[in-house]
N, C-alpha and C. Protein backbone atom coordinates (compact mmCIF):
# COMPACT_ATOMS: atom_id res chain seq x y z
N MET A 1 -109.14 -148.29 302.02
CA MET A 1 -108.05 -147.34 302.04
C MET A 1 -107.11 -147.71 303.19
N THR A 2 -105.81 -147.69 302.92
CA THR A 2 -104.84 -148.04 303.95
C THR A 2 -104.70 -146.90 304.96
N LYS A 3 -104.16 -147.26 306.12
CA LYS A 3 -103.96 -146.24 307.15
C LYS A 3 -102.98 -145.17 306.69
N LYS A 4 -101.95 -145.58 305.94
CA LYS A 4 -100.98 -144.61 305.44
C LYS A 4 -101.66 -143.61 304.51
N LYS A 5 -102.52 -144.10 303.62
CA LYS A 5 -103.23 -143.23 302.68
C LYS A 5 -104.18 -142.31 303.44
N GLN A 6 -104.84 -142.83 304.48
CA GLN A 6 -105.73 -142.00 305.28
C GLN A 6 -104.95 -140.86 305.94
N LYS A 7 -103.75 -141.17 306.42
CA LYS A 7 -102.93 -140.14 307.07
C LYS A 7 -102.46 -139.08 306.08
N THR A 8 -102.05 -139.52 304.88
CA THR A 8 -101.60 -138.53 303.89
C THR A 8 -102.77 -137.68 303.42
N ASN A 9 -103.95 -138.27 303.30
CA ASN A 9 -105.15 -137.49 302.93
C ASN A 9 -105.48 -136.48 304.02
N LYS A 10 -105.40 -136.92 305.28
CA LYS A 10 -105.72 -136.04 306.40
C LYS A 10 -104.72 -134.88 306.49
N PHE A 11 -103.44 -135.19 306.31
CA PHE A 11 -102.44 -134.12 306.35
C PHE A 11 -102.62 -133.18 305.17
N GLY A 12 -102.93 -133.72 304.01
CA GLY A 12 -103.17 -132.89 302.84
C GLY A 12 -104.32 -131.92 303.06
N SER A 13 -105.37 -132.40 303.70
CA SER A 13 -106.50 -131.53 304.03
C SER A 13 -106.08 -130.44 305.01
N ALA A 14 -105.21 -130.79 305.95
CA ALA A 14 -104.72 -129.80 306.91
C ALA A 14 -103.94 -128.70 306.20
N VAL A 15 -103.09 -129.09 305.25
CA VAL A 15 -102.32 -128.10 304.50
C VAL A 15 -103.26 -127.19 303.72
N ARG A 16 -104.25 -127.79 303.06
CA ARG A 16 -105.21 -127.00 302.28
C ARG A 16 -105.98 -126.03 303.19
N ASN A 17 -106.46 -126.53 304.32
CA ASN A 17 -107.21 -125.68 305.25
C ASN A 17 -106.36 -124.53 305.78
N ALA A 18 -105.12 -124.84 306.15
CA ALA A 18 -104.23 -123.80 306.67
C ALA A 18 -103.88 -122.79 305.58
N ARG A 19 -103.65 -123.27 304.38
CA ARG A 19 -103.33 -122.38 303.26
C ARG A 19 -104.49 -121.43 302.96
N LYS A 20 -105.69 -121.99 302.92
CA LYS A 20 -106.86 -121.15 302.65
C LYS A 20 -107.10 -120.16 303.79
N ALA A 21 -106.88 -120.59 305.03
CA ALA A 21 -107.05 -119.69 306.18
C ALA A 21 -106.05 -118.54 306.11
N ALA A 22 -104.88 -118.81 305.53
CA ALA A 22 -103.86 -117.77 305.38
C ALA A 22 -104.11 -116.90 304.14
N GLY A 23 -105.10 -117.28 303.34
CA GLY A 23 -105.43 -116.51 302.14
C GLY A 23 -104.41 -116.66 301.03
N LEU A 24 -103.76 -117.83 300.97
CA LEU A 24 -102.72 -118.06 299.98
C LEU A 24 -103.17 -119.03 298.89
N THR A 25 -102.64 -118.84 297.70
CA THR A 25 -102.81 -119.82 296.63
C THR A 25 -101.74 -120.89 296.80
N GLN A 26 -101.89 -122.00 296.08
CA GLN A 26 -100.85 -123.02 296.11
C GLN A 26 -99.53 -122.43 295.62
N GLU A 27 -99.61 -121.61 294.60
CA GLU A 27 -98.39 -121.00 294.04
C GLU A 27 -97.71 -120.09 295.04
N ALA A 28 -98.48 -119.28 295.76
CA ALA A 28 -97.91 -118.38 296.76
C ALA A 28 -97.27 -119.16 297.90
N LEU A 29 -97.94 -120.21 298.37
CA LEU A 29 -97.37 -121.04 299.43
C LEU A 29 -96.10 -121.72 298.94
N ALA A 30 -96.13 -122.25 297.74
CA ALA A 30 -94.95 -122.91 297.19
C ALA A 30 -93.76 -121.95 297.14
N PHE A 31 -94.00 -120.73 296.69
CA PHE A 31 -92.94 -119.73 296.62
C PHE A 31 -92.37 -119.45 298.01
N ARG A 32 -93.25 -119.23 298.97
CA ARG A 32 -92.82 -118.92 300.34
C ARG A 32 -92.06 -120.09 300.97
N ALA A 33 -92.46 -121.32 300.63
CA ALA A 33 -91.85 -122.51 301.22
C ALA A 33 -90.64 -123.01 300.43
N GLY A 34 -90.41 -122.45 299.26
CA GLY A 34 -89.30 -122.90 298.43
C GLY A 34 -89.56 -124.26 297.79
N LEU A 35 -90.83 -124.52 297.48
CA LEU A 35 -91.23 -125.79 296.89
C LEU A 35 -91.94 -125.53 295.57
N ASP A 36 -92.18 -126.57 294.81
CA ASP A 36 -92.91 -126.44 293.55
C ASP A 36 -94.41 -126.48 293.81
N ARG A 37 -95.17 -125.70 293.04
CA ARG A 37 -96.62 -125.67 293.21
C ARG A 37 -97.24 -127.05 293.03
N SER A 38 -96.74 -127.82 292.08
CA SER A 38 -97.31 -129.15 291.85
C SER A 38 -97.06 -130.07 293.04
N TYR A 39 -95.97 -129.85 293.76
CA TYR A 39 -95.69 -130.65 294.96
C TYR A 39 -96.70 -130.31 296.06
N ILE A 40 -96.98 -129.02 296.23
CA ILE A 40 -97.99 -128.60 297.21
C ILE A 40 -99.34 -129.23 296.85
N GLY A 41 -99.70 -129.17 295.58
CA GLY A 41 -100.96 -129.78 295.13
C GLY A 41 -101.01 -131.27 295.40
N GLY A 42 -99.89 -131.95 295.18
CA GLY A 42 -99.82 -133.39 295.45
C GLY A 42 -100.00 -133.71 296.93
N ILE A 43 -99.42 -132.87 297.77
CA ILE A 43 -99.59 -133.05 299.22
C ILE A 43 -101.05 -132.86 299.59
N GLU A 44 -101.66 -131.79 299.08
CA GLU A 44 -103.05 -131.50 299.41
C GLU A 44 -104.00 -132.60 298.93
N ARG A 45 -103.67 -133.26 297.84
CA ARG A 45 -104.51 -134.35 297.33
C ARG A 45 -104.19 -135.69 297.99
N GLY A 46 -103.19 -135.72 298.87
CA GLY A 46 -102.82 -136.96 299.53
C GLY A 46 -101.99 -137.88 298.66
N GLU A 47 -101.40 -137.34 297.60
CA GLU A 47 -100.58 -138.13 296.69
C GLU A 47 -99.11 -138.13 297.07
N ARG A 48 -98.71 -137.23 297.94
CA ARG A 48 -97.32 -137.10 298.36
C ARG A 48 -97.24 -137.28 299.87
N ASN A 49 -96.15 -137.89 300.30
CA ASN A 49 -95.91 -138.11 301.72
C ASN A 49 -94.67 -137.29 302.09
N PRO A 50 -94.86 -136.04 302.54
CA PRO A 50 -93.72 -135.14 302.75
C PRO A 50 -92.86 -135.55 303.94
N THR A 51 -91.57 -135.22 303.83
CA THR A 51 -90.64 -135.44 304.93
C THR A 51 -90.84 -134.35 305.99
N LEU A 52 -90.21 -134.55 307.13
CA LEU A 52 -90.30 -133.56 308.20
C LEU A 52 -89.75 -132.21 307.74
N SER A 53 -88.66 -132.23 306.98
CA SER A 53 -88.10 -130.95 306.53
C SER A 53 -89.06 -130.22 305.60
N VAL A 54 -89.81 -130.95 304.77
CA VAL A 54 -90.80 -130.33 303.90
C VAL A 54 -91.96 -129.79 304.73
N ILE A 55 -92.38 -130.55 305.73
CA ILE A 55 -93.46 -130.09 306.61
C ILE A 55 -93.05 -128.79 307.30
N GLU A 56 -91.79 -128.71 307.74
CA GLU A 56 -91.30 -127.48 308.37
C GLU A 56 -91.30 -126.32 307.38
N LYS A 57 -90.91 -126.57 306.13
CA LYS A 57 -90.93 -125.52 305.11
C LYS A 57 -92.35 -125.02 304.86
N ILE A 58 -93.30 -125.94 304.82
CA ILE A 58 -94.70 -125.56 304.60
C ILE A 58 -95.19 -124.70 305.77
N ALA A 59 -94.92 -125.15 306.99
CA ALA A 59 -95.33 -124.38 308.17
C ALA A 59 -94.70 -122.99 308.14
N ASP A 60 -93.42 -122.91 307.81
CA ASP A 60 -92.74 -121.61 307.72
C ASP A 60 -93.40 -120.75 306.64
N GLY A 61 -93.72 -121.35 305.51
CA GLY A 61 -94.37 -120.62 304.43
C GLY A 61 -95.73 -120.08 304.82
N LEU A 62 -96.39 -120.79 305.72
CA LEU A 62 -97.70 -120.37 306.22
C LEU A 62 -97.58 -119.39 307.39
N GLY A 63 -96.37 -119.28 307.95
CA GLY A 63 -96.17 -118.39 309.09
C GLY A 63 -96.71 -118.97 310.38
N ILE A 64 -96.75 -120.30 310.47
CA ILE A 64 -97.25 -120.97 311.67
C ILE A 64 -96.25 -122.05 312.10
N SER A 65 -96.46 -122.60 313.29
CA SER A 65 -95.60 -123.69 313.76
C SER A 65 -96.08 -125.01 313.17
N VAL A 66 -95.21 -126.00 313.22
CA VAL A 66 -95.58 -127.34 312.76
C VAL A 66 -96.76 -127.85 313.58
N ALA A 67 -96.73 -127.61 314.89
CA ALA A 67 -97.84 -128.06 315.75
C ALA A 67 -99.15 -127.42 315.32
N GLU A 68 -99.10 -126.13 314.99
CA GLU A 68 -100.33 -125.46 314.56
C GLU A 68 -100.81 -126.02 313.22
N LEU A 69 -99.87 -126.33 312.33
CA LEU A 69 -100.25 -126.93 311.05
C LEU A 69 -100.98 -128.25 311.28
N PHE A 70 -100.46 -129.08 312.18
CA PHE A 70 -101.13 -130.35 312.47
C PHE A 70 -102.48 -130.15 313.15
N SER A 71 -102.66 -129.02 313.83
CA SER A 71 -103.96 -128.78 314.47
C SER A 71 -105.06 -128.59 313.44
N TYR A 72 -104.71 -128.24 312.21
CA TYR A 72 -105.71 -128.09 311.16
C TYR A 72 -106.30 -129.43 310.73
N THR A 73 -105.69 -130.55 311.13
CA THR A 73 -106.26 -131.86 310.79
C THR A 73 -107.55 -132.10 311.55
N ALA A 74 -107.71 -131.44 312.69
CA ALA A 74 -108.91 -131.62 313.50
C ALA A 74 -110.05 -130.70 313.06
N LYS A 75 -109.77 -129.78 312.15
CA LYS A 75 -110.78 -128.79 311.74
C LYS A 75 -111.55 -129.27 310.53
């Protein structure tokens, strides 16, 4: 597995962990973030490499900071 793929998988896991901790479904997070549910799913599976603006939308949808979202990679 390439380093890029490892990073997208790790970030995807962070999004999933943060979403579950917030008690949200993929659909609810997508609605709050202004994104499509399938895009959230792709990020969580490590199939999508989101831009910084998308990462900010996800963090806003979760009600946390970008730094806090990245802290979920260590959990």
